[in-house]
N, C-alpha and C. Protein backbone atom coordinates (compact mmCIF):
# COMPACT_ATOMS: atom_id res chain seq x y z
N UNK A 1 165.52 32.36 53.42
CA UNK A 1 164.96 33.45 52.66
C UNK A 1 164.61 34.61 53.58
N UNK A 2 164.94 35.68 53.08
CA UNK A 2 164.68 36.87 53.86
C UNK A 2 163.43 37.56 53.34
N UNK A 3 162.57 37.92 54.27
CA UNK A 3 161.36 38.65 53.86
C UNK A 3 161.66 40.13 53.85
N UNK A 4 161.03 40.77 52.91
CA UNK A 4 161.20 42.22 52.79
C UNK A 4 160.30 42.88 53.82
N UNK A 5 160.84 43.75 54.58
CA UNK A 5 160.08 44.46 55.60
C UNK A 5 159.45 45.70 54.98
N UNK A 6 158.25 46.05 55.44
CA UNK A 6 157.61 47.27 54.99
C UNK A 6 156.48 47.01 53.99
N UNK A 7 155.79 48.04 53.66
CA UNK A 7 154.63 47.98 52.77
C UNK A 7 155.04 48.52 51.42
N UNK A 8 154.56 47.87 50.38
CA UNK A 8 154.81 48.35 49.02
C UNK A 8 153.81 49.49 48.76
N UNK A 9 154.19 50.68 49.13
CA UNK A 9 153.32 51.84 49.07
C UNK A 9 152.80 52.13 47.65
N UNK A 10 153.62 52.13 46.62
CA UNK A 10 153.08 52.41 45.28
C UNK A 10 152.01 51.40 44.85
N UNK A 11 152.19 50.14 45.21
CA UNK A 11 151.19 49.12 44.85
C UNK A 11 149.88 49.35 45.60
N UNK A 12 149.94 49.67 46.87
CA UNK A 12 148.74 49.93 47.68
C UNK A 12 148.01 51.14 47.14
N UNK A 13 148.72 52.19 46.80
CA UNK A 13 148.10 53.41 46.26
C UNK A 13 147.45 53.12 44.90
N UNK A 14 148.12 52.37 44.05
CA UNK A 14 147.56 52.02 42.74
C UNK A 14 146.29 51.20 42.89
N UNK A 15 146.31 50.20 43.75
CA UNK A 15 145.12 49.37 43.98
C UNK A 15 143.99 50.23 44.56
N UNK A 16 144.31 51.14 45.46
CA UNK A 16 143.30 52.03 46.05
C UNK A 16 142.66 52.93 45.00
N UNK A 17 143.48 53.50 44.12
CA UNK A 17 142.96 54.40 43.08
C UNK A 17 142.09 53.64 42.10
N UNK A 18 142.58 52.47 41.67
CA UNK A 18 141.80 51.66 40.72
C UNK A 18 140.49 51.21 41.36
N UNK A 19 140.51 50.81 42.61
CA UNK A 19 139.30 50.39 43.31
C UNK A 19 138.31 51.55 43.45
N UNK A 20 138.83 52.73 43.76
CA UNK A 20 137.94 53.90 43.89
C UNK A 20 137.29 54.25 42.55
N UNK A 21 138.07 54.24 41.48
CA UNK A 21 137.52 54.53 40.15
C UNK A 21 136.47 53.50 39.77
N UNK A 22 136.77 52.24 40.03
CA UNK A 22 135.82 51.16 39.71
C UNK A 22 134.53 51.31 40.52
N UNK A 23 134.67 51.67 41.78
CA UNK A 23 133.50 51.88 42.63
C UNK A 23 132.62 53.01 42.11
N UNK A 24 133.22 54.14 41.69
CA UNK A 24 132.47 55.28 41.15
C UNK A 24 131.78 54.89 39.85
N UNK A 25 132.47 54.17 38.97
CA UNK A 25 131.88 53.74 37.70
C UNK A 25 130.69 52.82 37.96
N UNK A 26 130.84 51.89 38.88
CA UNK A 26 129.74 50.97 39.21
C UNK A 26 128.56 51.74 39.80
N UNK A 27 128.83 52.70 40.68
CA UNK A 27 127.75 53.49 41.28
C UNK A 27 126.97 54.27 40.22
N UNK A 28 127.68 54.92 39.30
CA UNK A 28 127.00 55.67 38.24
C UNK A 28 126.23 54.74 37.31
N UNK A 29 126.78 53.58 37.03
CA UNK A 29 126.10 52.62 36.16
C UNK A 29 124.81 52.13 36.80
N UNK A 30 124.87 51.77 38.06
CA UNK A 30 123.67 51.29 38.76
C UNK A 30 122.63 52.40 38.85
N UNK A 31 123.06 53.63 39.14
CA UNK A 31 122.11 54.75 39.20
C UNK A 31 121.46 55.00 37.85
N UNK A 32 122.24 54.96 36.78
CA UNK A 32 121.69 55.14 35.43
C UNK A 32 120.71 54.04 35.07
N UNK A 33 121.03 52.82 35.41
CA UNK A 33 120.14 51.69 35.14
C UNK A 33 118.83 51.85 35.92
N UNK A 34 118.95 52.27 37.19
CA UNK A 34 117.76 52.47 38.01
C UNK A 34 116.87 53.56 37.41
N UNK A 35 117.45 54.68 37.01
CA UNK A 35 116.68 55.77 36.40
C UNK A 35 115.99 55.30 35.12
N UNK A 36 116.68 54.53 34.31
CA UNK A 36 116.10 54.01 33.06
C UNK A 36 114.91 53.11 33.36
N UNK A 37 115.05 52.19 34.31
CA UNK A 37 113.97 51.28 34.65
C UNK A 37 112.77 52.03 35.23
N UNK A 38 113.03 53.02 36.06
CA UNK A 38 111.96 53.83 36.64
C UNK A 38 111.20 54.58 35.54
N UNK A 39 111.93 55.15 34.60
CA UNK A 39 111.31 55.86 33.48
C UNK A 39 110.45 54.91 32.64
N UNK A 40 110.96 53.74 32.35
CA UNK A 40 110.21 52.75 31.56
C UNK A 40 108.93 52.32 32.28
N UNK A 41 109.02 52.11 33.57
CA UNK A 41 107.85 51.70 34.34
C UNK A 41 106.78 52.80 34.36
N UNK A 42 107.20 54.04 34.57
CA UNK A 42 106.25 55.15 34.57
C UNK A 42 105.62 55.34 33.20
N UNK A 43 106.41 55.20 32.14
CA UNK A 43 105.86 55.33 30.79
C UNK A 43 104.83 54.25 30.52
N UNK A 44 105.09 53.04 30.96
CA UNK A 44 104.13 51.95 30.77
C UNK A 44 102.84 52.21 31.55
N UNK A 45 102.97 52.72 32.76
CA UNK A 45 101.78 53.03 33.57
C UNK A 45 100.95 54.13 32.93
N UNK A 46 101.62 55.18 32.43
CA UNK A 46 100.89 56.28 31.78
C UNK A 46 100.19 55.78 30.52
N UNK A 47 100.85 54.91 29.76
CA UNK A 47 100.25 54.38 28.54
C UNK A 47 99.01 53.56 28.87
N UNK A 48 99.09 52.74 29.91
CA UNK A 48 97.95 51.93 30.32
C UNK A 48 96.80 52.81 30.77
N UNK A 49 97.13 53.86 31.55
CA UNK A 49 96.08 54.76 32.02
C UNK A 49 95.43 55.49 30.85
N UNK A 50 96.21 55.92 29.89
CA UNK A 50 95.68 56.63 28.73
C UNK A 50 94.78 55.72 27.92
N UNK A 51 95.18 54.46 27.74
CA UNK A 51 94.37 53.51 26.99
C UNK A 51 93.04 53.26 27.69
N UNK A 52 93.07 53.09 29.00
CA UNK A 52 91.84 52.85 29.75
C UNK A 52 90.93 54.06 29.69
N UNK A 53 91.52 55.23 29.82
CA UNK A 53 90.74 56.46 29.79
C UNK A 53 90.08 56.65 28.42
N UNK A 54 90.83 56.41 27.36
CA UNK A 54 90.28 56.56 26.01
C UNK A 54 89.18 55.54 25.76
N UNK A 55 89.39 54.32 26.21
CA UNK A 55 88.38 53.28 26.03
C UNK A 55 87.11 53.62 26.82
N UNK A 56 87.29 54.16 28.01
CA UNK A 56 86.14 54.55 28.83
C UNK A 56 85.38 55.69 28.17
N UNK A 57 86.10 56.70 27.64
CA UNK A 57 85.43 57.81 26.96
C UNK A 57 84.68 57.33 25.73
N UNK A 58 85.28 56.43 24.97
CA UNK A 58 84.61 55.91 23.78
C UNK A 58 83.34 55.16 24.16
N UNK A 59 83.41 54.34 25.20
CA UNK A 59 82.24 53.61 25.66
C UNK A 59 81.12 54.56 26.09
N UNK A 60 81.49 55.64 26.77
CA UNK A 60 80.49 56.63 27.20
C UNK A 60 79.86 57.32 25.99
N UNK A 61 80.68 57.64 24.98
CA UNK A 61 80.16 58.29 23.78
C UNK A 61 79.23 57.36 23.01
N UNK A 62 79.62 56.11 22.87
CA UNK A 62 78.77 55.14 22.16
C UNK A 62 77.46 54.98 22.90
N UNK A 63 77.52 54.92 24.21
CA UNK A 63 76.29 54.79 24.99
C UNK A 63 75.40 56.02 24.82
N UNK A 64 76.00 57.21 24.80
CA UNK A 64 75.19 58.42 24.70
C UNK A 64 74.50 58.57 23.34
N UNK A 65 75.04 57.97 22.28
CA UNK A 65 74.38 58.07 20.98
C UNK A 65 73.54 56.84 20.67
N UNK A 66 73.45 55.90 21.63
CA UNK A 66 72.73 54.66 21.37
C UNK A 66 71.48 54.51 22.23
N UNK A 67 71.11 55.52 22.97
CA UNK A 67 69.94 55.39 23.84
C UNK A 67 69.14 56.70 23.88
N UNK A 68 67.90 56.56 24.26
CA UNK A 68 67.06 57.73 24.46
C UNK A 68 67.46 58.36 25.79
N UNK A 69 67.51 59.69 25.80
CA UNK A 69 67.83 60.39 27.05
C UNK A 69 67.32 61.82 26.96
N UNK A 70 67.12 62.41 28.11
CA UNK A 70 66.72 63.81 28.16
C UNK A 70 67.94 64.70 27.94
N UNK A 71 67.79 65.66 27.05
CA UNK A 71 68.80 66.70 26.89
C UNK A 71 68.43 67.85 27.80
N UNK A 72 67.14 68.26 27.73
CA UNK A 72 66.60 69.30 28.60
C UNK A 72 65.16 68.92 28.90
N UNK A 73 64.94 68.37 30.07
CA UNK A 73 63.62 67.86 30.43
C UNK A 73 62.60 69.00 30.56
N UNK A 74 63.02 70.16 31.04
CA UNK A 74 62.10 71.29 31.20
C UNK A 74 61.58 71.78 29.85
N UNK A 75 62.44 71.76 28.83
CA UNK A 75 62.03 72.21 27.50
C UNK A 75 61.48 71.07 26.65
N UNK A 76 61.52 69.85 27.18
CA UNK A 76 61.00 68.71 26.44
C UNK A 76 61.91 68.25 25.31
N UNK A 77 63.21 68.48 25.43
CA UNK A 77 64.15 68.07 24.38
C UNK A 77 64.73 66.71 24.73
N UNK A 78 64.58 65.78 23.80
CA UNK A 78 65.03 64.40 24.00
C UNK A 78 66.05 64.05 22.93
N UNK A 79 67.08 63.31 23.30
CA UNK A 79 68.04 62.78 22.33
C UNK A 79 67.60 61.37 21.98
N UNK A 80 67.66 61.04 20.71
CA UNK A 80 67.28 59.70 20.28
C UNK A 80 68.51 58.98 19.77
N UNK A 81 68.47 57.66 19.72
CA UNK A 81 69.63 56.91 19.22
C UNK A 81 69.97 57.32 17.79
N UNK A 82 71.24 57.29 17.46
CA UNK A 82 71.71 57.74 16.15
C UNK A 82 71.11 56.90 15.03
N UNK A 83 70.93 55.60 15.26
CA UNK A 83 70.34 54.74 14.23
C UNK A 83 68.91 55.18 13.92
N UNK A 84 68.16 55.51 14.97
CA UNK A 84 66.78 55.96 14.78
C UNK A 84 66.76 57.31 14.07
N UNK A 85 67.67 58.20 14.42
CA UNK A 85 67.73 59.51 13.78
C UNK A 85 68.04 59.38 12.29
N UNK A 86 68.98 58.51 11.94
CA UNK A 86 69.31 58.32 10.52
C UNK A 86 68.13 57.72 9.77
N UNK A 87 67.42 56.80 10.42
CA UNK A 87 66.24 56.19 9.79
C UNK A 87 65.16 57.25 9.55
N UNK A 88 64.91 58.11 10.54
CA UNK A 88 63.90 59.16 10.41
C UNK A 88 64.25 60.13 9.27
N UNK A 89 65.51 60.51 9.17
CA UNK A 89 65.94 61.43 8.12
C UNK A 89 65.80 60.77 6.75
N UNK A 90 66.16 59.50 6.65
CA UNK A 90 66.04 58.79 5.37
C UNK A 90 64.58 58.67 4.95
N UNK A 91 63.69 58.44 5.90
CA UNK A 91 62.25 58.31 5.59
C UNK A 91 61.64 59.64 5.17
N UNK A 92 62.23 60.76 5.61
CA UNK A 92 61.67 62.08 5.32
C UNK A 92 62.42 62.81 4.21
N UNK A 93 63.09 62.07 3.36
CA UNK A 93 63.75 62.68 2.21
C UNK A 93 64.92 63.58 2.57
N UNK A 94 65.65 63.27 3.60
CA UNK A 94 66.82 64.04 3.98
C UNK A 94 66.52 65.20 4.90
N UNK A 95 65.27 65.34 5.31
CA UNK A 95 64.90 66.43 6.23
C UNK A 95 64.64 65.84 7.61
N UNK A 96 64.87 66.66 8.60
CA UNK A 96 64.54 66.23 9.95
C UNK A 96 63.03 66.21 10.07
N UNK A 97 62.49 65.34 10.91
CA UNK A 97 61.02 65.17 10.96
C UNK A 97 60.23 66.45 11.17
N UNK A 98 60.74 67.38 11.99
CA UNK A 98 59.96 68.60 12.21
C UNK A 98 60.00 69.54 11.01
N UNK A 99 60.94 69.36 10.11
CA UNK A 99 60.93 70.13 8.86
C UNK A 99 60.05 69.46 7.82
N UNK A 100 60.00 68.15 7.82
CA UNK A 100 59.20 67.41 6.85
C UNK A 100 57.71 67.50 7.18
N UNK A 101 57.38 67.51 8.47
CA UNK A 101 55.99 67.56 8.90
C UNK A 101 55.81 68.73 9.86
N UNK A 102 55.79 69.95 9.36
CA UNK A 102 55.65 71.09 10.28
C UNK A 102 54.26 71.10 10.92
N UNK A 103 54.27 71.34 12.20
CA UNK A 103 52.99 71.41 12.93
C UNK A 103 52.48 72.84 12.87
N UNK A 104 51.17 72.97 12.74
CA UNK A 104 50.55 74.30 12.64
C UNK A 104 49.93 74.71 13.92
């Protein structure tokens, strides 16, 4: 049997072109997948941060309406718990205490 001498140039070029196209397609696919995963991870982190921030703000608001605190200590203005304020208004016929019992 005689072997054919030389390189099958059209076959080598075809394999090279197909391999190059496949390599480019794989590179774009991997890059797109990476970008998608990165976007999903960042979105999840932002959502978690927003949830924690909202929960923290709500806790601060609930605390501020549930305890006695100074609003302006120099002027003697005090904030009272919301439950106590509603009770005082109900006891005074819908008026705030200083309207129900004006001091002379």
